[in-house]
């Protein structure tokens, strides 16, 4: 298992809607997340900075392929089309990233 963390901004006017839709994520999207070998997935919001932090645990052997499979899923693409306009990616993210990846600097089991 490998842990992943990422950060992104959220537009202040979209916070209520983002919370509302994430209180009832589409079942097909949840199914795809699990099929991509992701578990223990959480998104946190920090206001008033309007930053979101995502954390998940990956239990597969080919993260890149599993993320590509998720990105190719039509229902997940529809979900992202709803979510992405509400988000504000960091200007410092790496090329190809939407959510900016973060380095784990400490962990205690």
PDB file of N, CA and C in Angstrom:
ATOM      1  N   UNK A   1       0.842  -1.179   0.000  1.00  0.00           N
ATOM      2  CA  UNK A   1       0.000   0.000   0.000  1.00  0.00           C
ATOM      3  C   UNK A   1       0.882   1.235   0.000  1.00  0.00           C
ATOM      4  N   UNK A   2       0.464   2.238  -0.759  1.00  0.00           N
ATOM      5  CA  UNK A   2       1.159   3.516  -0.787  1.00  0.00           C
ATOM      6  C   UNK A   2       0.143   4.620  -0.542  1.00  0.00           C
ATOM      7  N   UNK A   3       0.524   5.587   0.283  1.00  0.00           N
ATOM      8  CA  UNK A   3      -0.339   6.729   0.596  1.00  0.00           C
ATOM      9  C   UNK A   3      -0.061   7.869  -0.384  1.00  0.00           C
ATOM     10  N   UNK A   4      -1.131   8.587  -0.756  1.00  0.00           N
ATOM     11  CA  UNK A   4      -1.018   9.736  -1.643  1.00  0.00           C
ATOM     12  C   UNK A   4      -1.738  10.922  -1.024  1.00  0.00           C
ATOM     13  N   UNK A   5      -1.171  12.100  -1.173  1.00  0.00           N
ATOM     14  CA  UNK A   5      -1.809  13.335  -0.754  1.00  0.00           C
ATOM     15  C   UNK A   5      -1.712  14.347  -1.881  1.00  0.00           C
ATOM     16  N   UNK A   6      -2.746  15.172  -2.015  1.00  0.00           N
ATOM     17  CA  UNK A   6      -2.759  16.196  -3.056  1.00  0.00           C
ATOM     18  C   UNK A   6      -3.562  17.390  -2.562  1.00  0.00           C
ATOM     19  N   UNK A   7      -3.297  18.550  -3.162  1.00  0.00           N
ATOM     20  CA  UNK A   7      -3.965  19.781  -2.751  1.00  0.00           C
ATOM     21  C   UNK A   7      -4.447  20.539  -3.984  1.00  0.00           C
ATOM     22  N   UNK A   8      -5.559  21.249  -3.799  1.00  0.00           N
ATOM     23  CA  UNK A   8      -6.121  22.084  -4.862  1.00  0.00           C
ATOM     24  C   UNK A   8      -6.925  23.194  -4.194  1.00  0.00           C
ATOM     25  N   UNK A   9      -7.100  24.292  -4.884  1.00  0.00           N
ATOM     26  CA  UNK A   9      -7.975  25.343  -4.390  1.00  0.00           C
ATOM     27  C   UNK A   9      -9.411  25.068  -4.792  1.00  0.00           C
ATOM     28  N   UNK A  10     -10.311  25.769  -4.142  1.00  0.00           N
ATOM     29  CA  UNK A  10     -11.720  25.706  -4.508  1.00  0.00           C
ATOM     30  C   UNK A  10     -12.252  27.129  -4.578  1.00  0.00           C
ATOM     31  N   UNK A  11     -13.079  27.390  -5.545  1.00  0.00           N
ATOM     32  CA  UNK A  11     -13.665  28.724  -5.682  1.00  0.00           C
ATOM     33  C   UNK A  11     -14.643  28.949  -4.535  1.00  0.00           C
ATOM     34  N   UNK A  12     -14.526  30.069  -3.836  1.00  0.00           N
ATOM     35  CA  UNK A  12     -15.362  30.295  -2.647  1.00  0.00           C
ATOM     36  C   UNK A  12     -16.859  30.145  -2.914  1.00  0.00           C
ATOM     37  N   UNK A  13     -17.301  30.597  -4.060  1.00  0.00           N
ATOM     38  CA  UNK A  13     -18.729  30.521  -4.376  1.00  0.00           C
ATOM     39  C   UNK A  13     -19.205  29.095  -4.658  1.00  0.00           C
ATOM     40  N   UNK A  14     -18.272  28.157  -4.795  1.00  0.00           N
ATOM     41  CA  UNK A  14     -18.624  26.767  -5.114  1.00  0.00           C
ATOM     42  C   UNK A  14     -18.584  25.844  -3.901  1.00  0.00           C
ATOM     43  N   UNK A  15     -18.155  26.342  -2.760  1.00  0.00           N
ATOM     44  CA  UNK A  15     -17.951  25.470  -1.599  1.00  0.00           C
ATOM     45  C   UNK A  15     -19.229  24.737  -1.196  1.00  0.00           C
ATOM     46  N   UNK A  16     -20.334  25.431  -1.072  1.00  0.00           N
ATOM     47  CA  UNK A  16     -21.577  24.784  -0.643  1.00  0.00           C
ATOM     48  C   UNK A  16     -21.993  23.683  -1.625  1.00  0.00           C
ATOM     49  N   UNK A  17     -21.898  23.953  -2.907  1.00  0.00           N
ATOM     50  CA  UNK A  17     -22.271  22.954  -3.913  1.00  0.00           C
ATOM     51  C   UNK A  17     -21.303  21.775  -3.900  1.00  0.00           C
ATOM     52  N   UNK A  18     -20.022  22.044  -3.732  1.00  0.00           N
ATOM     53  CA  UNK A  18     -19.029  20.972  -3.693  1.00  0.00           C
ATOM     54  C   UNK A  18     -19.308  20.039  -2.513  1.00  0.00           C
ATOM     55  N   UNK A  19     -19.604  20.612  -1.373  1.00  0.00           N
ATOM     56  CA  UNK A  19     -19.950  19.803  -0.204  1.00  0.00           C
ATOM     57  C   UNK A  19     -21.225  19.004  -0.466  1.00  0.00           C
ATOM     58  N   UNK A  20     -22.222  19.640  -1.084  1.00  0.00           N
ATOM     59  CA  UNK A  20     -23.492  18.970  -1.345  1.00  0.00           C
ATOM     60  C   UNK A  20     -23.300  17.748  -2.244  1.00  0.00           C
ATOM     61  N   UNK A  21     -22.582  17.906  -3.346  1.00  0.00           N
ATOM     62  CA  UNK A  21     -22.437  16.769  -4.261  1.00  0.00           C
ATOM     63  C   UNK A  21     -21.542  15.675  -3.678  1.00  0.00           C
ATOM     64  N   UNK A  22     -20.596  16.058  -2.837  1.00  0.00           N
ATOM     65  CA  UNK A  22     -19.734  15.041  -2.239  1.00  0.00           C
ATOM     66  C   UNK A  22     -20.401  14.317  -1.064  1.00  0.00           C
ATOM     67  N   UNK A  23     -21.523  14.823  -0.613  1.00  0.00           N
ATOM     68  CA  UNK A  23     -22.300  14.107   0.400  1.00  0.00           C
ATOM     69  C   UNK A  23     -23.054  12.935  -0.237  1.00  0.00           C
ATOM     70  N   UNK A  24     -23.123  12.912  -1.570  1.00  0.00           N
ATOM     71  CA  UNK A  24     -23.824  11.846  -2.286  1.00  0.00           C
ATOM     72  C   UNK A  24     -23.124  11.586  -3.613  1.00  0.00           C
ATOM     73  N   UNK A  25     -21.870  11.156  -3.545  1.00  0.00           N
ATOM     74  CA  UNK A  25     -21.103  10.866  -4.769  1.00  0.00           C
ATOM     75  C   UNK A  25     -21.816   9.758  -5.544  1.00  0.00           C
ATOM     76  N   UNK A  26     -21.831   9.897  -6.859  1.00  0.00           N
ATOM     77  CA  UNK A  26     -22.511   8.936  -7.717  1.00  0.00           C
ATOM     78  C   UNK A  26     -21.959   7.518  -7.484  1.00  0.00           C
ATOM     79  N   UNK A  27     -22.817   6.531  -7.342  1.00  0.00           N
ATOM     80  CA  UNK A  27     -22.364   5.153  -7.091  1.00  0.00           C
ATOM     81  C   UNK A  27     -21.381   4.629  -8.135  1.00  0.00           C
ATOM     82  N   UNK A  28     -21.579   4.976  -9.404  1.00  0.00           N
ATOM     83  CA  UNK A  28     -20.644   4.511 -10.442  1.00  0.00           C
ATOM     84  C   UNK A  28     -19.243   5.078 -10.234  1.00  0.00           C
ATOM     85  N   UNK A  29     -19.166   6.281  -9.724  1.00  0.00           N
ATOM     86  CA  UNK A  29     -17.862   6.906  -9.455  1.00  0.00           C
ATOM     87  C   UNK A  29     -17.189   6.199  -8.280  1.00  0.00           C
ATOM     88  N   UNK A  30     -17.953   5.920  -7.237  1.00  0.00           N
ATOM     89  CA  UNK A  30     -17.396   5.197  -6.091  1.00  0.00           C
ATOM     90  C   UNK A  30     -16.916   3.807  -6.502  1.00  0.00           C
ATOM     91  N   UNK A  31     -17.679   3.156  -7.360  1.00  0.00           N
ATOM     92  CA  UNK A  31     -17.294   1.831  -7.854  1.00  0.00           C
ATOM     93  C   UNK A  31     -15.968   1.904  -8.620  1.00  0.00           C
ATOM     94  N   UNK A  32     -15.812   2.935  -9.451  1.00  0.00           N
ATOM     95  CA  UNK A  32     -14.572   3.083 -10.225  1.00  0.00           C
ATOM     96  C   UNK A  32     -13.390   3.377  -9.319  1.00  0.00           C
ATOM     97  N   UNK A  33     -13.582   4.192  -8.293  1.00  0.00           N
ATOM     98  CA  UNK A  33     -12.494   4.471  -7.347  1.00  0.00           C
ATOM     99  C   UNK A  33     -12.007   3.169  -6.737  1.00  0.00           C
ATOM    100  N   UNK A  34     -12.925   2.335  -6.298  1.00  0.00           N
ATOM    101  CA  UNK A  34     -12.546   1.048  -5.705  1.00  0.00           C
ATOM    102  C   UNK A  34     -11.899   0.128  -6.734  1.00  0.00           C
ATOM    103  N   UNK A  35     -12.420   0.130  -7.967  1.00  0.00           N
ATOM    104  CA  UNK A  35     -11.834  -0.694  -9.032  1.00  0.00           C
ATOM    105  C   UNK A  35     -10.413  -0.254  -9.354  1.00  0.00           C
ATOM    106  N   UNK A  36     -10.110   1.016  -9.084  1.00  0.00           N
ATOM    107  CA  UNK A  36      -8.762   1.549  -9.312  1.00  0.00           C
ATOM    108  C   UNK A  36      -7.851   1.321  -8.111  1.00  0.00           C
ATOM    109  N   UNK A  37      -8.314   0.475  -7.194  1.00  0.00           N
ATOM    110  CA  UNK A  37      -7.514   0.022  -6.043  1.00  0.00           C
ATOM    111  C   UNK A  37      -7.228   1.129  -5.034  1.00  0.00           C
ATOM    112  N   UNK A  38      -8.168   2.062  -4.908  1.00  0.00           N
ATOM    113  CA  UNK A  38      -8.062   3.160  -3.951  1.00  0.00           C
ATOM    114  C   UNK A  38      -8.992   2.877  -2.786  1.00  0.00           C
ATOM    115  N   UNK A  39      -8.477   3.094  -1.591  1.00  0.00           N
ATOM    116  CA  UNK A  39      -9.309   2.996  -0.393  1.00  0.00           C
ATOM    117  C   UNK A  39      -8.920   4.103   0.576  1.00  0.00           C
ATOM    118  N   UNK A  40      -9.702   4.219   1.626  1.00  0.00           N
ATOM    119  CA  UNK A  40      -9.436   5.212   2.677  1.00  0.00           C
ATOM    120  C   UNK A  40      -9.244   6.609   2.060  1.00  0.00           C
ATOM    121  N   UNK A  41     -10.156   6.971   1.163  1.00  0.00           N
ATOM    122  CA  UNK A  41     -10.068   8.224   0.408  1.00  0.00           C
ATOM    123  C   UNK A  41     -10.841   9.311   1.145  1.00  0.00           C
ATOM    124  N   UNK A  42     -10.182  10.422   1.416  1.00  0.00           N
ATOM    125  CA  UNK A  42     -10.814  11.549   2.100  1.00  0.00           C
ATOM    126  C   UNK A  42     -10.422  12.847   1.408  1.00  0.00           C
ATOM    127  N   UNK A  43     -11.332  13.821   1.465  1.00  0.00           N
ATOM    128  CA  UNK A  43     -11.038  15.182   1.018  1.00  0.00           C
ATOM    129  C   UNK A  43     -11.374  16.113   2.172  1.00  0.00           C
ATOM    130  N   UNK A  44     -10.439  16.980   2.521  1.00  0.00           N
ATOM    131  CA  UNK A  44     -10.606  17.953   3.597  1.00  0.00           C
ATOM    132  C   UNK A  44     -10.615  19.357   2.998  1.00  0.00           C
ATOM    133  N   UNK A  45     -11.359  20.247   3.625  1.00  0.00           N
ATOM    134  CA  UNK A  45     -11.431  21.639   3.205  1.00  0.00           C
ATOM    135  C   UNK A  45     -10.857  22.524   4.297  1.00  0.00           C
ATOM    136  N   UNK A  46     -10.003  23.472   3.916  1.00  0.00           N
ATOM    137  CA  UNK A  46      -9.450  24.469   4.842  1.00  0.00           C
ATOM    138  C   UNK A  46      -9.927  25.842   4.407  1.00  0.00           C
ATOM    139  N   UNK A  47     -10.791  26.409   5.235  1.00  0.00           N
ATOM    140  CA  UNK A  47     -11.251  27.780   5.013  1.00  0.00           C
ATOM    141  C   UNK A  47     -10.593  28.685   6.042  1.00  0.00           C
ATOM    142  N   UNK A  48     -10.342  29.906   5.815  1.00  0.00           N
ATOM    143  CA  UNK A  48     -10.777  30.704   4.679  1.00  0.00           C
ATOM    144  C   UNK A  48      -9.824  30.657   3.487  1.00  0.00           C
ATOM    145  N   UNK A  49      -8.769  29.849   3.556  1.00  0.00           N
ATOM    146  CA  UNK A  49      -7.812  29.775   2.448  1.00  0.00           C
ATOM    147  C   UNK A  49      -8.408  29.098   1.222  1.00  0.00           C
ATOM    148  N   UNK A  50      -9.489  28.339   1.440  1.00  0.00           N
ATOM    149  CA  UNK A  50     -10.180  27.633   0.365  1.00  0.00           C
ATOM    150  C   UNK A  50      -9.264  26.654  -0.357  1.00  0.00           C
ATOM    151  N   UNK A  51      -8.594  25.854   0.447  1.00  0.00           N
ATOM    152  CA  UNK A  51      -7.747  24.779  -0.058  1.00  0.00           C
ATOM    153  C   UNK A  51      -8.367  23.448   0.327  1.00  0.00           C
ATOM    154  N   UNK A  52      -8.283  22.494  -0.585  1.00  0.00           N
ATOM    155  CA  UNK A  52      -8.730  21.143  -0.289  1.00  0.00           C
ATOM    156  C   UNK A  52      -7.533  20.211  -0.339  1.00  0.00           C
ATOM    157  N   UNK A  53      -7.503  19.296   0.604  1.00  0.00           N
ATOM    158  CA  UNK A  53      -6.465  18.288   0.702  1.00  0.00           C
ATOM    159  C   UNK A  53      -7.109  16.925   0.526  1.00  0.00           C
ATOM    160  N   UNK A  54      -6.584  16.135  -0.389  1.00  0.00           N
ATOM    161  CA  UNK A  54      -7.076  14.776  -0.609  1.00  0.00           C
ATOM    162  C   UNK A  54      -6.028  13.785  -0.133  1.00  0.00           C
ATOM    163  N   UNK A  55      -6.515  12.711   0.465  1.00  0.00           N
ATOM    164  CA  UNK A  55      -5.651  11.626   0.923  1.00  0.00           C
ATOM    165  C   UNK A  55      -6.293  10.315   0.496  1.00  0.00           C
ATOM    166  N   UNK A  56      -5.477   9.397  -0.021  1.00  0.00           N
ATOM    167  CA  UNK A  56      -5.980   8.052  -0.287  1.00  0.00           C
ATOM    168  C   UNK A  56      -4.844   7.044  -0.196  1.00  0.00           C
ATOM    169  N   UNK A  57      -5.254   5.790  -0.063  1.00  0.00           N
ATOM    170  CA  UNK A  57      -4.315   4.682  -0.023  1.00  0.00           C
ATOM    171  C   UNK A  57      -4.510   3.849  -1.278  1.00  0.00           C
ATOM    172  N   UNK A  58      -3.403   3.558  -1.951  1.00  0.00           N
ATOM    173  CA  UNK A  58      -3.422   2.793  -3.193  1.00  0.00           C
ATOM    174  C   UNK A  58      -2.899   1.393  -2.901  1.00  0.00           C
ATOM    175  N   UNK A  59      -3.680   0.396  -3.305  1.00  0.00           N
ATOM    176  CA  UNK A  59      -3.351  -0.994  -2.991  1.00  0.00           C
ATOM    177  C   UNK A  59      -3.021  -1.818  -4.232  1.00  0.00           C
ATOM    178  N   UNK A  60      -2.656  -1.187  -5.312  1.00  0.00           N
ATOM    179  CA  UNK A  60      -2.328  -1.906  -6.537  1.00  0.00           C
ATOM    180  C   UNK A  60      -0.834  -1.945  -6.783  1.00  0.00           C
ATOM    181  N   UNK A  61      -0.483  -2.345  -8.007  1.00  0.00           N
ATOM    182  CA  UNK A  61       0.930  -2.444  -8.387  1.00  0.00           C
ATOM    183  C   UNK A  61       1.301  -1.532  -9.551  1.00  0.00           C
ATOM    184  N   UNK A  62       0.301  -0.890 -10.175  1.00  0.00           N
ATOM    185  CA  UNK A  62       0.565  -0.006 -11.309  1.00  0.00           C
ATOM    186  C   UNK A  62      -0.345   1.223 -11.198  1.00  0.00           C
ATOM    187  N   UNK A  63       0.071   2.165 -10.361  1.00  0.00           N
ATOM    188  CA  UNK A  63      -0.731   3.360 -10.084  1.00  0.00           C
ATOM    189  C   UNK A  63      -1.067   4.112 -11.366  1.00  0.00           C
ATOM    190  N   UNK A  64      -0.096   4.282 -12.234  1.00  0.00           N
ATOM    191  CA  UNK A  64      -0.311   5.025 -13.478  1.00  0.00           C
ATOM    192  C   UNK A  64      -1.402   4.377 -14.333  1.00  0.00           C
ATOM    193  N   UNK A  65      -1.356   3.064 -14.475  1.00  0.00           N
ATOM    194  CA  UNK A  65      -2.366   2.364 -15.281  1.00  0.00           C
ATOM    195  C   UNK A  65      -3.740   2.429 -14.627  1.00  0.00           C
ATOM    196  N   UNK A  66      -3.795   2.283 -13.318  1.00  0.00           N
ATOM    197  CA  UNK A  66      -5.081   2.344 -12.632  1.00  0.00           C
ATOM    198  C   UNK A  66      -5.685   3.741 -12.684  1.00  0.00           C
ATOM    199  N   UNK A  67      -4.851   4.769 -12.614  1.00  0.00           N
ATOM    200  CA  UNK A  67      -5.370   6.138 -12.726  1.00  0.00           C
ATOM    201  C   UNK A  67      -5.815   6.421 -14.165  1.00  0.00           C
ATOM    202  N   UNK A  68      -5.113   5.845 -15.140  1.00  0.00           N
ATOM    203  CA  UNK A  68      -5.522   6.003 -16.543  1.00  0.00           C
ATOM    204  C   UNK A  68      -6.862   5.320 -16.788  1.00  0.00           C
ATOM    205  N   UNK A  69      -7.076   4.173 -16.175  1.00  0.00           N
ATOM    206  CA  UNK A  69      -8.358   3.476 -16.309  1.00  0.00           C
ATOM    207  C   UNK A  69      -9.477   4.311 -15.704  1.00  0.00           C
ATOM    208  N   UNK A  70      -9.215   4.941 -14.572  1.00  0.00           N
ATOM    209  CA  UNK A  70     -10.221   5.801 -13.963  1.00  0.00           C
ATOM    210  C   UNK A  70     -10.507   6.992 -14.875  1.00  0.00           C
ATOM    211  N   UNK A  71      -9.477   7.597 -15.405  1.00  0.00           N
ATOM    212  CA  UNK A  71      -9.645   8.764 -16.279  1.00  0.00           C
ATOM    213  C   UNK A  71     -10.394   8.410 -17.563  1.00  0.00           C
ATOM    214  N   UNK A  72     -10.325   7.162 -17.987  1.00  0.00           N
ATOM    215  CA  UNK A  72     -10.999   6.728 -19.214  1.00  0.00           C
ATOM    216  C   UNK A  72     -12.465   6.357 -18.977  1.00  0.00           C
ATOM    217  N   UNK A  73     -12.857   6.215 -17.737  1.00  0.00           N
ATOM    218  CA  UNK A  73     -14.219   5.816 -17.401  1.00  0.00           C
ATOM    219  C   UNK A  73     -15.202   6.947 -17.723  1.00  0.00           C
ATOM    220  N   UNK A  74     -16.204   6.713 -18.579  1.00  0.00           N
ATOM    221  CA  UNK A  74     -17.122   7.785 -18.983  1.00  0.00           C
ATOM    222  C   UNK A  74     -17.878   8.425 -17.813  1.00  0.00           C
ATOM    223  N   UNK A  75     -18.322   7.629 -16.855  1.00  0.00           N
ATOM    224  CA  UNK A  75     -19.084   8.194 -15.735  1.00  0.00           C
ATOM    225  C   UNK A  75     -18.176   9.056 -14.853  1.00  0.00           C
ATOM    226  N   UNK A  76     -16.933   8.628 -14.662  1.00  0.00           N
ATOM    227  CA  UNK A  76     -15.973   9.435 -13.903  1.00  0.00           C
ATOM    228  C   UNK A  76     -15.693  10.737 -14.641  1.00  0.00           C
ATOM    229  N   UNK A  77     -15.592  10.689 -15.961  1.00  0.00           N
ATOM    230  CA  UNK A  77     -15.394  11.906 -16.745  1.00  0.00           C
ATOM    231  C   UNK A  77     -16.552  12.875 -16.558  1.00  0.00           C
ATOM    232  N   UNK A  78     -17.781  12.348 -16.492  1.00  0.00           N
ATOM    233  CA  UNK A  78     -18.945  13.200 -16.242  1.00  0.00           C
ATOM    234  C   UNK A  78     -18.851  13.848 -14.862  1.00  0.00           C
ATOM    235  N   UNK A  79     -18.445  13.059 -13.864  1.00  0.00           N
ATOM    236  CA  UNK A  79     -18.296  13.578 -12.493  1.00  0.00           C
ATOM    237  C   UNK A  79     -17.255  14.687 -12.455  1.00  0.00           C
ATOM    238  N   UNK A  80     -16.124  14.440 -13.094  1.00  0.00           N
ATOM    239  CA  UNK A  80     -15.062  15.442 -13.120  1.00  0.00           C
ATOM    240  C   UNK A  80     -15.530  16.713 -13.824  1.00  0.00           C
ATOM    241  N   UNK A  81     -16.361  16.566 -14.855  1.00  0.00           N
ATOM    242  CA  UNK A  81     -16.876  17.742 -15.568  1.00  0.00           C
ATOM    243  C   UNK A  81     -17.745  18.607 -14.661  1.00  0.00           C
ATOM    244  N   UNK A  82     -18.373  17.996 -13.671  1.00  0.00           N
ATOM    245  CA  UNK A  82     -19.152  18.740 -12.685  1.00  0.00           C
ATOM    246  C   UNK A  82     -18.224  19.395 -11.659  1.00  0.00           C
ATOM    247  N   UNK A  83     -17.232  18.643 -11.201  1.00  0.00           N
ATOM    248  CA  UNK A  83     -16.354  19.107 -10.114  1.00  0.00           C
ATOM    249  C   UNK A  83     -15.289  20.112 -10.555  1.00  0.00           C
ATOM    250  N   UNK A  84     -14.691  19.891 -11.687  1.00  0.00           N
ATOM    251  CA  UNK A  84     -13.522  20.683 -12.079  1.00  0.00           C
ATOM    252  C   UNK A  84     -13.790  22.184 -12.191  1.00  0.00           C
ATOM    253  N   UNK A  85     -14.943  22.626 -12.694  1.00  0.00           N
ATOM    254  CA  UNK A  85     -15.165  24.073 -12.748  1.00  0.00           C
ATOM    255  C   UNK A  85     -15.222  24.742 -11.372  1.00  0.00           C
ATOM    256  N   UNK A  86     -15.453  23.959 -10.339  1.00  0.00           N
ATOM    257  CA  UNK A  86     -15.500  24.497  -8.979  1.00  0.00           C
ATOM    258  C   UNK A  86     -14.116  24.622  -8.356  1.00  0.00           C
ATOM    259  N   UNK A  87     -13.157  23.930  -8.935  1.00  0.00           N
ATOM    260  CA  UNK A  87     -11.809  23.862  -8.376  1.00  0.00           C
ATOM    261  C   UNK A  87     -10.908  24.948  -8.943  1.00  0.00           C
ATOM    262  N   UNK A  88      -9.854  25.253  -8.204  1.00  0.00           N
ATOM    263  CA  UNK A  88      -8.873  26.257  -8.613  1.00  0.00           C
ATOM    264  C   UNK A  88      -7.480  25.648  -8.446  1.00  0.00           C
ATOM    265  N   UNK A  89      -6.961  24.986  -9.483  1.00  0.00           N
ATOM    266  CA  UNK A  89      -5.655  24.338  -9.379  1.00  0.00           C
ATOM    267  C   UNK A  89      -4.550  25.327  -9.007  1.00  0.00           C
ATOM    268  N   UNK A  90      -3.570  24.842  -8.270  1.00  0.00           N
ATOM    269  CA  UNK A  90      -2.442  25.681  -7.863  1.00  0.00           C
ATOM    270  C   UNK A  90      -1.551  25.973  -9.062  1.00  0.00           C
ATOM    271  N   UNK A  91      -1.074  27.187  -9.146  1.00  0.00           N
ATOM    272  CA  UNK A  91      -0.171  27.570 -10.216  1.00  0.00           C
ATOM    273  C   UNK A  91       1.169  26.852 -10.152  1.00  0.00           C
ATOM    274  N   UNK A  92       1.489  26.287  -9.001  1.00  0.00           N
ATOM    275  CA  UNK A  92       2.768  25.608  -8.808  1.00  0.00           C
ATOM    276  C   UNK A  92       2.696  24.107  -9.054  1.00  0.00           C
ATOM    277  N   UNK A  93       1.542  23.601  -9.503  1.00  0.00           N
ATOM    278  CA  UNK A  93       1.431  22.160  -9.733  1.00  0.00           C
ATOM    279  C   UNK A  93       2.332  21.751 -10.894  1.00  0.00           C
ATOM    280  N   UNK A  94       2.698  20.486 -10.924  1.00  0.00           N
ATOM    281  CA  UNK A  94       3.533  19.965 -12.001  1.00  0.00           C
ATOM    282  C   UNK A  94       2.718  19.826 -13.282  1.00  0.00           C
ATOM    283  N   UNK A  95       3.414  19.847 -14.404  1.00  0.00           N
ATOM    284  CA  UNK A  95       2.759  19.662 -15.690  1.00  0.00           C
ATOM    285  C   UNK A  95       1.992  18.344 -15.682  1.00  0.00           C
ATOM    286  N   UNK A  96       0.763  18.390 -16.152  1.00  0.00           N
ATOM    287  CA  UNK A  96      -0.060  17.195 -16.202  1.00  0.00           C
ATOM    288  C   UNK A  96      -0.893  16.951 -14.955  1.00  0.00           C
ATOM    289  N   UNK A  97      -0.647  17.704 -13.892  1.00  0.00           N
ATOM    290  CA  UNK A  97      -1.422  17.543 -12.660  1.00  0.00           C
ATOM    291  C   UNK A  97      -2.624  18.480 -12.666  1.00  0.00           C
ATOM    292  N   UNK A  98      -3.708  18.056 -12.055  1.00  0.00           N
ATOM    293  CA  UNK A  98      -4.837  18.942 -11.743  1.00  0.00           C
ATOM    294  C   UNK A  98      -4.750  19.238 -10.256  1.00  0.00           C
ATOM    295  N   UNK A  99      -4.869  18.200  -9.436  1.00  0.00           N
ATOM    296  CA  UNK A  99      -4.559  18.316  -8.015  1.00  0.00           C
ATOM    297  C   UNK A  99      -3.037  18.246  -7.912  1.00  0.00           C
ATOM    298  N   UNK A 100      -2.434  19.112  -7.131  1.00  0.00           N
ATOM    299  CA  UNK A 100      -0.975  19.119  -6.971  1.00  0.00           C
ATOM    300  C   UNK A 100      -0.568  18.037  -5.985  1.00  0.00           C
ATOM    301  N   UNK A 101       0.301  17.140  -6.435  1.00  0.00           N
ATOM    302  CA  UNK A 101       0.800  16.083  -5.561  1.00  0.00           C
ATOM    303  C   UNK A 101       1.638  16.660  -4.429  1.00  0.00           C
ATOM    304  N   UNK A 102       1.645  15.934  -3.316  1.00  0.00           N
ATOM    305  CA  UNK A 102       2.382  16.388  -2.141  1.00  0.00           C
ATOM    306  C   UNK A 102       3.335  15.289  -1.684  1.00  0.00           C
ATOM    307  N   UNK A 103       4.426  15.688  -1.081  1.00  0.00           N
ATOM    308  CA  UNK A 103       5.402  14.751  -0.545  1.00  0.00           C
ATOM    309  C   UNK A 103       5.041  14.410   0.896  1.00  0.00           C
ATOM    310  N   UNK A 104       5.021  13.130   1.196  1.00  0.00           N
ATOM    311  CA  UNK A 104       4.810  12.696   2.579  1.00  0.00           C
ATOM    312  C   UNK A 104       6.116  12.899   3.347  1.00  0.00           C
ATOM    313  N   UNK A 105       6.052  13.644   4.430  1.00  0.00           N
ATOM    314  CA  UNK A 105       7.260  13.898   5.209  1.00  0.00           C
ATOM    315  C   UNK A 105       7.218  13.252   6.587  1.00  0.00           C
ATOM    316  N   UNK A 106       6.064  12.709   6.968  1.00  0.00           N
ATOM    317  CA  UNK A 106       5.963  12.009   8.246  1.00  0.00           C
ATOM    318  C   UNK A 106       4.749  11.102   8.229  1.00  0.00           C
ATOM    319  N   UNK A 107       4.874   9.944   8.839  1.00  0.00           N
ATOM    320  CA  UNK A 107       3.754   9.029   9.026  1.00  0.00           C
ATOM    321  C   UNK A 107       4.013   8.159  10.240  1.00  0.00           C
ATOM    322  N   UNK A 108       2.971   7.894  11.003  1.00  0.00           N
ATOM    323  CA  UNK A 108       3.065   6.995  12.149  1.00  0.00           C
ATOM    324  C   UNK A 108       1.874   6.055  12.107  1.00  0.00           C
ATOM    325  N   UNK A 109       2.140   4.756  12.085  1.00  0.00           N
ATOM    326  CA  UNK A 109       1.055   3.762  12.165  1.00  0.00           C
ATOM    327  C   UNK A 109       0.760   3.474  13.620  1.00  0.00           C
TER     328      UNK A 109
END
